[in-house]
Amino acid sequence: SICHSEAMYDEVIEACENGYSMVTHFYSGNTF
């Protein structure tokens, strides 16, 4: 799960391609 992260779109997409399937506590510790 993506968590307490500075990832932006390209990195989130790459994370999905590498096994990440959730976002932990949506909006908290997330980038906008």
Full PDB file with SEQRES, HELIX, SHEET, SSBOND, CRYST1, ORIGX, SCALE, CONECT and MASTER records, all heavy atoms in Angstrom:
SEQRES   1 A   32  SER ILE CYS HIS SER GLU ALA MET TYR ASP GLU VAL ILE          
SEQRES   2 A   32  GLU ALA CYS GLU ASN GLY TYR SER MET VAL THR HIS PHE          
SEQRES   3 A   32  TYR SER GLY ASN THR PHE                                      
HELIX    1 AA1 TYR A    9  GLU A   17  1                                   9    
CRYST1    1.000    1.000    1.000  90.00  90.00  90.00 P 1           1          
ORIGX1      1.000000  0.000000  0.000000        0.00000                         
ORIGX2      0.000000  1.000000  0.000000        0.00000                         
ORIGX3      0.000000  0.000000  1.000000        0.00000                         
SCALE1      1.000000  0.000000  0.000000        0.00000                         
SCALE2      0.000000  1.000000  0.000000        0.00000                         
SCALE3      0.000000  0.000000  1.000000        0.00000                         
ATOM      1  N   SER A   1       0.836  -1.197   0.000  1.00  0.00           N  
ATOM      2  CA  SER A   1       0.000   0.000   0.000  1.00  0.00           C  
ATOM      3  C   SER A   1       0.873   1.250   0.000  1.00  0.00           C  
ATOM      4  O   SER A   1       1.911   1.301   0.674  1.00  0.00           O  
ATOM      5  CB  SER A   1      -0.892  -0.019   1.246  1.00  0.00           C  
ATOM      6  OG  SER A   1      -1.921   0.935   1.171  1.00  0.00           O  
ATOM      7  N   ILE A   2       0.454   2.270  -0.756  1.00  0.00           N  
ATOM      8  CA  ILE A   2       1.170   3.547  -0.806  1.00  0.00           C  
ATOM      9  C   ILE A   2       0.835   4.344   0.444  1.00  0.00           C  
ATOM     10  O   ILE A   2      -0.338   4.538   0.777  1.00  0.00           O  
ATOM     11  CB  ILE A   2       0.776   4.324  -2.068  1.00  0.00           C  
ATOM     12  CG1 ILE A   2       1.154   3.530  -3.317  1.00  0.00           C  
ATOM     13  CG2 ILE A   2       1.411   5.709  -2.080  1.00  0.00           C  
ATOM     14  CD1 ILE A   2       0.568   4.100  -4.602  1.00  0.00           C  
ATOM     15  N   CYS A   3       1.866   4.832   1.131  1.00  0.00           N  
ATOM     16  CA  CYS A   3       1.633   5.392   2.470  1.00  0.00           C  
ATOM     17  C   CYS A   3       2.659   6.461   2.806  1.00  0.00           C  
ATOM     18  O   CYS A   3       3.859   6.288   2.521  1.00  0.00           O  
ATOM     19  CB  CYS A   3       1.711   4.245   3.480  1.00  0.00           C  
ATOM     20  SG  CYS A   3       1.515   4.737   5.193  1.00  0.00           S  
ATOM     21  N   HIS A   4       2.207   7.558   3.436  1.00  0.00           N  
ATOM     22  CA  HIS A   4       3.119   8.626   3.885  1.00  0.00           C  
ATOM     23  C   HIS A   4       4.171   8.871   2.810  1.00  0.00           C  
ATOM     24  O   HIS A   4       5.373   8.717   3.029  1.00  0.00           O  
ATOM     25  CB  HIS A   4       3.766   8.251   5.219  1.00  0.00           C  
ATOM     26  CG  HIS A   4       2.809   8.217   6.364  1.00  0.00           C  
ATOM     27  ND1 HIS A   4       2.270   9.358   6.927  1.00  0.00           N  
ATOM     28  CD2 HIS A   4       2.285   7.177   7.059  1.00  0.00           C  
ATOM     29  CE1 HIS A   4       1.459   9.019   7.921  1.00  0.00           C  
ATOM     30  NE2 HIS A   4       1.445   7.707   8.011  1.00  0.00           N  
ATOM     31  N   SER A   5       3.706   9.302   1.650  1.00  0.00           N  
ATOM     32  CA  SER A   5       4.524   9.286   0.441  1.00  0.00           C  
ATOM     33  C   SER A   5       4.501  10.631  -0.268  1.00  0.00           C  
ATOM     34  O   SER A   5       3.503  11.348  -0.246  1.00  0.00           O  
ATOM     35  CB  SER A   5       3.993   8.193  -0.493  1.00  0.00           C  
ATOM     36  OG  SER A   5       4.533   8.291  -1.777  1.00  0.00           O  
ATOM     37  N   GLU A   6       5.622  10.948  -0.946  1.00  0.00           N  
ATOM     38  CA  GLU A   6       5.735  12.128  -1.799  1.00  0.00           C  
ATOM     39  C   GLU A   6       5.555  11.771  -3.277  1.00  0.00           C  
ATOM     40  O   GLU A   6       5.845  12.587  -4.147  1.00  0.00           O  
ATOM     41  CB  GLU A   6       7.103  12.787  -1.600  1.00  0.00           C  
ATOM     42  CG  GLU A   6       7.215  13.636  -0.351  1.00  0.00           C  
ATOM     43  CD  GLU A   6       6.598  15.015  -0.541  1.00  0.00           C  
ATOM     44  OE1 GLU A   6       7.241  15.887  -1.145  1.00  0.00           O  
ATOM     45  OE2 GLU A   6       5.445  15.211  -0.079  1.00  0.00           O  
ATOM     46  N   ALA A   7       5.102  10.558  -3.560  1.00  0.00           N  
ATOM     47  CA  ALA A   7       4.957  10.122  -4.953  1.00  0.00           C  
ATOM     48  C   ALA A   7       3.967  11.011  -5.702  1.00  0.00           C  
ATOM     49  O   ALA A   7       2.970  11.465  -5.149  1.00  0.00           O  
ATOM     50  CB  ALA A   7       4.508   8.668  -5.008  1.00  0.00           C  
ATOM     51  N   MET A   8       4.282  11.231  -6.987  1.00  0.00           N  
ATOM     52  CA  MET A   8       3.362  11.911  -7.894  1.00  0.00           C  
ATOM     53  C   MET A   8       2.926  10.923  -8.968  1.00  0.00           C  
ATOM     54  O   MET A   8       3.281   9.744  -8.918  1.00  0.00           O  
ATOM     55  CB  MET A   8       4.035  13.152  -8.483  1.00  0.00           C  
ATOM     56  CG  MET A   8       4.442  14.181  -7.435  1.00  0.00           C  
ATOM     57  SD  MET A   8       3.058  14.871  -6.466  1.00  0.00           S  
ATOM     58  CE  MET A   8       2.296  15.944  -7.677  1.00  0.00           C  
ATOM     59  N   TYR A   9       2.131  11.393  -9.929  1.00  0.00           N  
ATOM     60  CA  TYR A   9       1.436  10.507 -10.865  1.00  0.00           C  
ATOM     61  C   TYR A   9       2.333   9.421 -11.450  1.00  0.00           C  
ATOM     62  O   TYR A   9       2.003   8.221 -11.377  1.00  0.00           O  
ATOM     63  CB  TYR A   9       0.817  11.335 -11.986  1.00  0.00           C  
ATOM     64  CG  TYR A   9       0.169  10.502 -13.065  1.00  0.00           C  
ATOM     65  CD1 TYR A   9      -1.106   9.975 -12.892  1.00  0.00           C  
ATOM     66  CD2 TYR A   9       0.847  10.224 -14.258  1.00  0.00           C  
ATOM     67  CE1 TYR A   9      -1.698   9.196 -13.878  1.00  0.00           C  
ATOM     68  CE2 TYR A   9       0.262   9.451 -15.248  1.00  0.00           C  
ATOM     69  CZ  TYR A   9      -1.009   8.936 -15.054  1.00  0.00           C  
ATOM     70  OH  TYR A   9      -1.579   8.155 -16.023  1.00  0.00           O  
ATOM     71  N   ASP A  10       3.457   9.783 -12.066  1.00  0.00           N  
ATOM     72  CA  ASP A  10       4.296   8.794 -12.738  1.00  0.00           C  
ATOM     73  C   ASP A  10       4.785   7.735 -11.763  1.00  0.00           C  
ATOM     74  O   ASP A  10       4.855   6.542 -12.095  1.00  0.00           O  
ATOM     75  CB  ASP A  10       5.491   9.470 -13.415  1.00  0.00           C  
ATOM     76  CG  ASP A  10       5.088  10.274 -14.651  1.00  0.00           C  
ATOM     77  OD1 ASP A  10       3.978  10.045 -15.168  1.00  0.00           O  
ATOM     78  OD2 ASP A  10       5.887  11.124 -15.082  1.00  0.00           O  
ATOM     79  N   GLU A  11       5.121   8.152 -10.538  1.00  0.00           N  
ATOM     80  CA  GLU A  11       5.622   7.195  -9.541  1.00  0.00           C  
ATOM     81  C   GLU A  11       4.494   6.307  -9.016  1.00  0.00           C  
ATOM     82  O   GLU A  11       4.707   5.124  -8.738  1.00  0.00           O  
ATOM     83  CB  GLU A  11       6.280   7.956  -8.392  1.00  0.00           C  
ATOM     84  CG  GLU A  11       7.565   8.652  -8.791  1.00  0.00           C  
ATOM     85  CD  GLU A  11       7.973   9.752  -7.830  1.00  0.00           C  
ATOM     86  OE1 GLU A  11       7.088  10.519  -7.385  1.00  0.00           O  
ATOM     87  OE2 GLU A  11       9.169   9.854  -7.532  1.00  0.00           O  
ATOM     88  N   VAL A  12       3.290   6.860  -8.899  1.00  0.00           N  
ATOM     89  CA  VAL A  12       2.152   6.034  -8.476  1.00  0.00           C  
ATOM     90  C   VAL A  12       1.851   4.978  -9.528  1.00  0.00           C  
ATOM     91  O   VAL A  12       1.616   3.805  -9.212  1.00  0.00           O  
ATOM     92  CB  VAL A  12       0.912   6.905  -8.185  1.00  0.00           C  
ATOM     93  CG1 VAL A  12      -0.285   6.024  -7.855  1.00  0.00           C  
ATOM     94  CG2 VAL A  12       1.186   7.874  -7.036  1.00  0.00           C  
ATOM     95  N   ILE A  13       1.859   5.377 -10.794  1.00  0.00           N  
ATOM     96  CA  ILE A  13       1.617   4.422 -11.867  1.00  0.00           C  
ATOM     97  C   ILE A  13       2.705   3.342 -11.862  1.00  0.00           C  
ATOM     98  O   ILE A  13       2.413   2.140 -11.988  1.00  0.00           O  
ATOM     99  CB  ILE A  13       1.561   5.128 -13.231  1.00  0.00           C  
ATOM    100  CG1 ILE A  13       0.354   6.078 -13.288  1.00  0.00           C  
ATOM    101  CG2 ILE A  13       1.513   4.102 -14.360  1.00  0.00           C  
ATOM    102  CD1 ILE A  13      -0.991   5.407 -13.105  1.00  0.00           C  
ATOM    103  N   GLU A  14       3.953   3.738 -11.705  1.00  0.00           N  
ATOM    104  CA  GLU A  14       5.037   2.758 -11.642  1.00  0.00           C  
ATOM    105  C   GLU A  14       4.854   1.831 -10.443  1.00  0.00           C  
ATOM    106  O   GLU A  14       5.097   0.619 -10.538  1.00  0.00           O  
ATOM    107  CB  GLU A  14       6.386   3.469 -11.557  1.00  0.00           C  
ATOM    108  CG  GLU A  14       7.565   2.516 -11.608  1.00  0.00           C  
ATOM    109  CD  GLU A  14       8.915   3.223 -11.510  1.00  0.00           C  
ATOM    110  OE1 GLU A  14       8.945   4.464 -11.416  1.00  0.00           O  
ATOM    111  OE2 GLU A  14       9.945   2.508 -11.514  1.00  0.00           O  
ATOM    112  N   ALA A  15       4.400   2.393  -9.321  1.00  0.00           N  
ATOM    113  CA  ALA A  15       4.151   1.556  -8.135  1.00  0.00           C  
ATOM    114  C   ALA A  15       3.069   0.516  -8.436  1.00  0.00           C  
ATOM    115  O   ALA A  15       3.204  -0.658  -8.066  1.00  0.00           O  
ATOM    116  CB  ALA A  15       3.739   2.430  -6.955  1.00  0.00           C  
ATOM    117  N   CYS A  16       1.996   0.928  -9.121  1.00  0.00           N  
ATOM    118  CA  CYS A  16       0.941  -0.027  -9.487  1.00  0.00           C  
ATOM    119  C   CYS A  16       1.502  -1.146 -10.353  1.00  0.00           C  
ATOM    120  O   CYS A  16       1.111  -2.311 -10.212  1.00  0.00           O  
ATOM    121  CB  CYS A  16      -0.187   0.687 -10.216  1.00  0.00           C  
ATOM    122  SG  CYS A  16      -1.104   1.876  -9.223  1.00  0.00           S  
ATOM    123  N   GLU A  17       2.428  -0.806 -11.236  1.00  0.00           N  
ATOM    124  CA  GLU A  17       3.041  -1.802 -12.104  1.00  0.00           C  
ATOM    125  C   GLU A  17       3.963  -2.745 -11.335  1.00  0.00           C  
ATOM    126  O   GLU A  17       4.312  -3.816 -11.832  1.00  0.00           O  
ATOM    127  CB  GLU A  17       3.826  -1.107 -13.215  1.00  0.00           C  
ATOM    128  CG  GLU A  17       2.944  -0.329 -14.178  1.00  0.00           C  
ATOM    129  CD  GLU A  17       3.731   0.588 -15.101  1.00  0.00           C  
ATOM    130  OE1 GLU A  17       4.919   0.880 -14.811  1.00  0.00           O  
ATOM    131  OE2 GLU A  17       3.152   1.034 -16.116  1.00  0.00           O  
ATOM    132  N   ASN A  18       4.332  -2.351 -10.129  1.00  0.00           N  
ATOM    133  CA  ASN A  18       5.275  -3.135  -9.328  1.00  0.00           C  
ATOM    134  C   ASN A  18       4.658  -3.710  -8.061  1.00  0.00           C  
ATOM    135  O   ASN A  18       5.371  -4.001  -7.093  1.00  0.00           O  
ATOM    136  CB  ASN A  18       6.503  -2.286  -8.987  1.00  0.00           C  
ATOM    137  CG  ASN A  18       7.443  -2.121 -10.163  1.00  0.00           C  
ATOM    138  OD1 ASN A  18       8.271  -2.977 -10.435  1.00  0.00           O  
ATOM    139  ND2 ASN A  18       7.291  -1.018 -10.898  1.00  0.00           N  
ATOM    140  N   GLY A  19       3.322  -3.864  -8.068  1.00  0.00           N  
ATOM    141  CA  GLY A  19       2.691  -4.628  -7.003  1.00  0.00           C  
ATOM    142  C   GLY A  19       1.868  -3.854  -6.000  1.00  0.00           C  
ATOM    143  O   GLY A  19       1.174  -4.457  -5.183  1.00  0.00           O  
ATOM    144  N   TYR A  20       1.917  -2.523  -6.013  1.00  0.00           N  
ATOM    145  CA  TYR A  20       1.135  -1.733  -5.061  1.00  0.00           C  
ATOM    146  C   TYR A  20      -0.328  -1.727  -5.503  1.00  0.00           C  
ATOM    147  O   TYR A  20      -0.638  -1.465  -6.661  1.00  0.00           O  
ATOM    148  CB  TYR A  20       1.655  -0.306  -4.981  1.00  0.00           C  
ATOM    149  CG  TYR A  20       3.008  -0.180  -4.304  1.00  0.00           C  
ATOM    150  CD1 TYR A  20       4.176  -0.540  -4.964  1.00  0.00           C  
ATOM    151  CD2 TYR A  20       3.114   0.304  -2.999  1.00  0.00           C  
ATOM    152  CE1 TYR A  20       5.412  -0.431  -4.362  1.00  0.00           C  
ATOM    153  CE2 TYR A  20       4.355   0.430  -2.393  1.00  0.00           C  
ATOM    154  CZ  TYR A  20       5.507   0.060  -3.074  1.00  0.00           C  
ATOM    155  OH  TYR A  20       6.737   0.171  -2.459  1.00  0.00           O  
ATOM    156  N   SER A  21      -1.234  -1.990  -4.557  1.00  0.00           N  
ATOM    157  CA  SER A  21      -2.644  -2.117  -4.926  1.00  0.00           C  
ATOM    158  C   SER A  21      -3.585  -1.295  -4.041  1.00  0.00           C  
ATOM    159  O   SER A  21      -4.788  -1.302  -4.269  1.00  0.00           O  
ATOM    160  CB  SER A  21      -3.072  -3.589  -4.864  1.00  0.00           C  
ATOM    161  OG  SER A  21      -2.909  -4.110  -3.550  1.00  0.00           O  
ATOM    162  N   MET A  22      -3.052  -0.600  -3.044  1.00  0.00           N  
ATOM    163  CA  MET A  22      -3.886   0.186  -2.135  1.00  0.00           C  
ATOM    164  C   MET A  22      -3.250   1.542  -1.870  1.00  0.00           C  
ATOM    165  O   MET A  22      -2.050   1.746  -2.096  1.00  0.00           O  
ATOM    166  CB  MET A  22      -4.081  -0.549  -0.791  1.00  0.00           C  
ATOM    167  CG  MET A  22      -4.885  -1.814  -0.846  1.00  0.00           C  
ATOM    168  SD  MET A  22      -5.248  -2.482   0.825  1.00  0.00           S  
ATOM    169  CE  MET A  22      -6.450  -1.268   1.425  1.00  0.00           C  
ATOM    170  N   VAL A  23      -4.077   2.454  -1.355  1.00  0.00           N  
ATOM    171  CA  VAL A  23      -3.600   3.719  -0.797  1.00  0.00           C  
ATOM    172  C   VAL A  23      -4.014   3.746   0.669  1.00  0.00           C  
ATOM    173  O   VAL A  23      -5.204   3.636   0.980  1.00  0.00           O  
ATOM    174  CB  VAL A  23      -4.170   4.934  -1.538  1.00  0.00           C  
ATOM    175  CG1 VAL A  23      -3.672   6.223  -0.876  1.00  0.00           C  
ATOM    176  CG2 VAL A  23      -3.789   4.906  -3.015  1.00  0.00           C  
ATOM    177  N   THR A  24      -3.040   3.866   1.546  1.00  0.00           N  
ATOM    178  CA  THR A  24      -3.298   3.883   2.986  1.00  0.00           C  
ATOM    179  C   THR A  24      -3.888   5.232   3.395  1.00  0.00           C  
ATOM    180  O   THR A  24      -3.464   6.280   2.921  1.00  0.00           O  
ATOM    181  CB  THR A  24      -1.994   3.620   3.759  1.00  0.00           C  
ATOM    182  OG1 THR A  24      -1.503   2.325   3.388  1.00  0.00           O  
ATOM    183  CG2 THR A  24      -2.206   3.672   5.255  1.00  0.00           C  
ATOM    184  N   HIS A  25      -4.854   5.186   4.309  1.00  0.00           N  
ATOM    185  CA  HIS A  25      -5.613   6.357   4.790  1.00  0.00           C  
ATOM    186  C   HIS A  25      -5.634   7.491   3.757  1.00  0.00           C  
ATOM    187  O   HIS A  25      -4.935   8.476   3.851  1.00  0.00           O  
ATOM    188  CB  HIS A  25      -5.171   6.837   6.172  1.00  0.00           C  
ATOM    189  CG  HIS A  25      -3.698   6.929   6.448  1.00  0.00           C  
ATOM    190  ND1 HIS A  25      -2.784   7.503   5.602  1.00  0.00           N  
ATOM    191  CD2 HIS A  25      -2.984   6.533   7.538  1.00  0.00           C  
ATOM    192  CE1 HIS A  25      -1.591   7.468   6.139  1.00  0.00           C  
ATOM    193  NE2 HIS A  25      -1.678   6.876   7.307  1.00  0.00           N  
ATOM    194  N   PHE A  26      -6.514   7.293   2.776  1.00  0.00           N  
ATOM    195  CA  PHE A  26      -6.685   8.222   1.650  1.00  0.00           C  
ATOM    196  C   PHE A  26      -6.791   9.657   2.161  1.00  0.00           C  
ATOM    197  O   PHE A  26      -7.537   9.945   3.098  1.00  0.00           O  
ATOM    198  CB  PHE A  26      -7.947   7.820   0.890  1.00  0.00           C  
ATOM    199  CG  PHE A  26      -8.043   8.312  -0.522  1.00  0.00           C  
ATOM    200  CD1 PHE A  26      -6.956   8.307  -1.372  1.00  0.00           C  
ATOM    201  CD2 PHE A  26      -9.268   8.741  -1.029  1.00  0.00           C  
ATOM    202  CE1 PHE A  26      -7.069   8.728  -2.693  1.00  0.00           C  
ATOM    203  CE2 PHE A  26      -9.401   9.153  -2.345  1.00  0.00           C  
ATOM    204  CZ  PHE A  26      -8.295   9.161  -3.177  1.00  0.00           C  
ATOM    205  N   TYR A  27      -6.045  10.561   1.532  1.00  0.00           N  
ATOM    206  CA  TYR A  27      -5.923  11.981   1.841  1.00  0.00           C  
ATOM    207  C   TYR A  27      -4.933  12.257   2.972  1.00  0.00           C  
ATOM    208  O   TYR A  27      -4.371  13.352   3.033  1.00  0.00           O  
ATOM    209  CB  TYR A  27      -7.276  12.643   2.162  1.00  0.00           C  
ATOM    210  CG  TYR A  27      -8.076  12.998   0.939  1.00  0.00           C  
ATOM    211  CD1 TYR A  27      -8.946  12.084   0.360  1.00  0.00           C  
ATOM    212  CD2 TYR A  27      -7.957  14.249   0.340  1.00  0.00           C  
ATOM    213  CE1 TYR A  27      -9.674  12.398  -0.779  1.00  0.00           C  
ATOM    214  CE2 TYR A  27      -8.681  14.575  -0.799  1.00  0.00           C  
ATOM    215  CZ  TYR A  27      -9.533  13.640  -1.354  1.00  0.00           C  
ATOM    216  OH  TYR A  27     -10.254  13.960  -2.485  1.00  0.00           O  
ATOM    217  N   SER A  28      -4.703  11.346   3.882  1.00  0.00           N  
ATOM    218  CA  SER A  28      -3.751  11.579   4.975  1.00  0.00           C  
ATOM    219  C   SER A  28      -2.381  11.079   4.550  1.00  0.00           C  
ATOM    220  O   SER A  28      -2.218   9.912   4.186  1.00  0.00           O  
ATOM    221  CB  SER A  28      -4.194  10.845   6.246  1.00  0.00           C  
ATOM    222  OG  SER A  28      -5.439  11.326   6.709  1.00  0.00           O  
ATOM    223  N   GLY A  29      -1.384  11.967   4.579  1.00  0.00           N  
ATOM    224  CA  GLY A  29      -0.046  11.589   4.146  1.00  0.00           C  
ATOM    225  C   GLY A  29       0.052  11.346   2.658  1.00  0.00           C  
ATOM    226  O   GLY A  29       0.970  10.679   2.185  1.00  0.00           O  
ATOM    227  N   ASN A  30      -0.911  11.888   1.886  1.00  0.00           N  
ATOM    228  CA  ASN A  30      -0.932  11.723   0.432  1.00  0.00           C  
ATOM    229  C   ASN A  30      -0.584  13.043  -0.255  1.00  0.00           C  
ATOM    230  O   ASN A  30      -0.852  14.121   0.294  1.00  0.00           O  
ATOM    231  CB  ASN A  30      -2.318  11.296  -0.062  1.00  0.00           C  
ATOM    232  CG  ASN A  30      -2.790   9.944   0.426  1.00  0.00           C  
ATOM    233  OD1 ASN A  30      -3.922   9.576   0.198  1.00  0.00           O  
ATOM    234  ND2 ASN A  30      -1.943   9.181   1.103  1.00  0.00           N  
ATOM    235  N   THR A  31      -0.029  12.969  -1.458  1.00  0.00           N  
ATOM    236  CA  THR A  31       0.215  14.170  -2.248  1.00  0.00           C  
ATOM    237  C   THR A  31      -1.029  14.546  -3.054  1.00  0.00           C  
ATOM    238  O   THR A  31      -1.920  13.725  -3.285  1.00  0.00           O  
ATOM    239  CB  THR A  31       1.387  13.943  -3.228  1.00  0.00           C  
ATOM    240  OG1 THR A  31       1.150  12.743  -3.970  1.00  0.00           O  
ATOM    241  CG2 THR A  31       2.701  13.836  -2.487  1.00  0.00           C  
ATOM    242  N   PHE A  32      -1.039  15.831  -3.482  1.00  0.00           N  
ATOM    243  CA  PHE A  32      -2.158  16.375  -4.253  1.00  0.00           C  
ATOM    244  C   PHE A  32      -1.626  17.038  -5.533  1.00  0.00           C  
ATOM    245  O   PHE A  32      -0.408  17.150  -5.729  1.00  0.00           O  
ATOM    246  CB  PHE A  32      -2.928  17.406  -3.421  1.00  0.00           C  
ATOM    247  CG  PHE A  32      -3.471  16.875  -2.135  1.00  0.00           C  
ATOM    248  CD1 PHE A  32      -2.691  16.880  -0.983  1.00  0.00           C  
ATOM    249  CD2 PHE A  32      -4.746  16.348  -2.061  1.00  0.00           C  
ATOM    250  CE1 PHE A  32      -3.192  16.386   0.212  1.00  0.00           C  
ATOM    251  CE2 PHE A  32      -5.256  15.846  -0.868  1.00  0.00           C  
ATOM    252  CZ  PHE A  32      -4.472  15.869   0.272  1.00  0.00           C  
TER     253      PHE A  32                                                      
MASTER        0    0    0    1    0    0    0    6  252    1    0    3          
END                                                                             
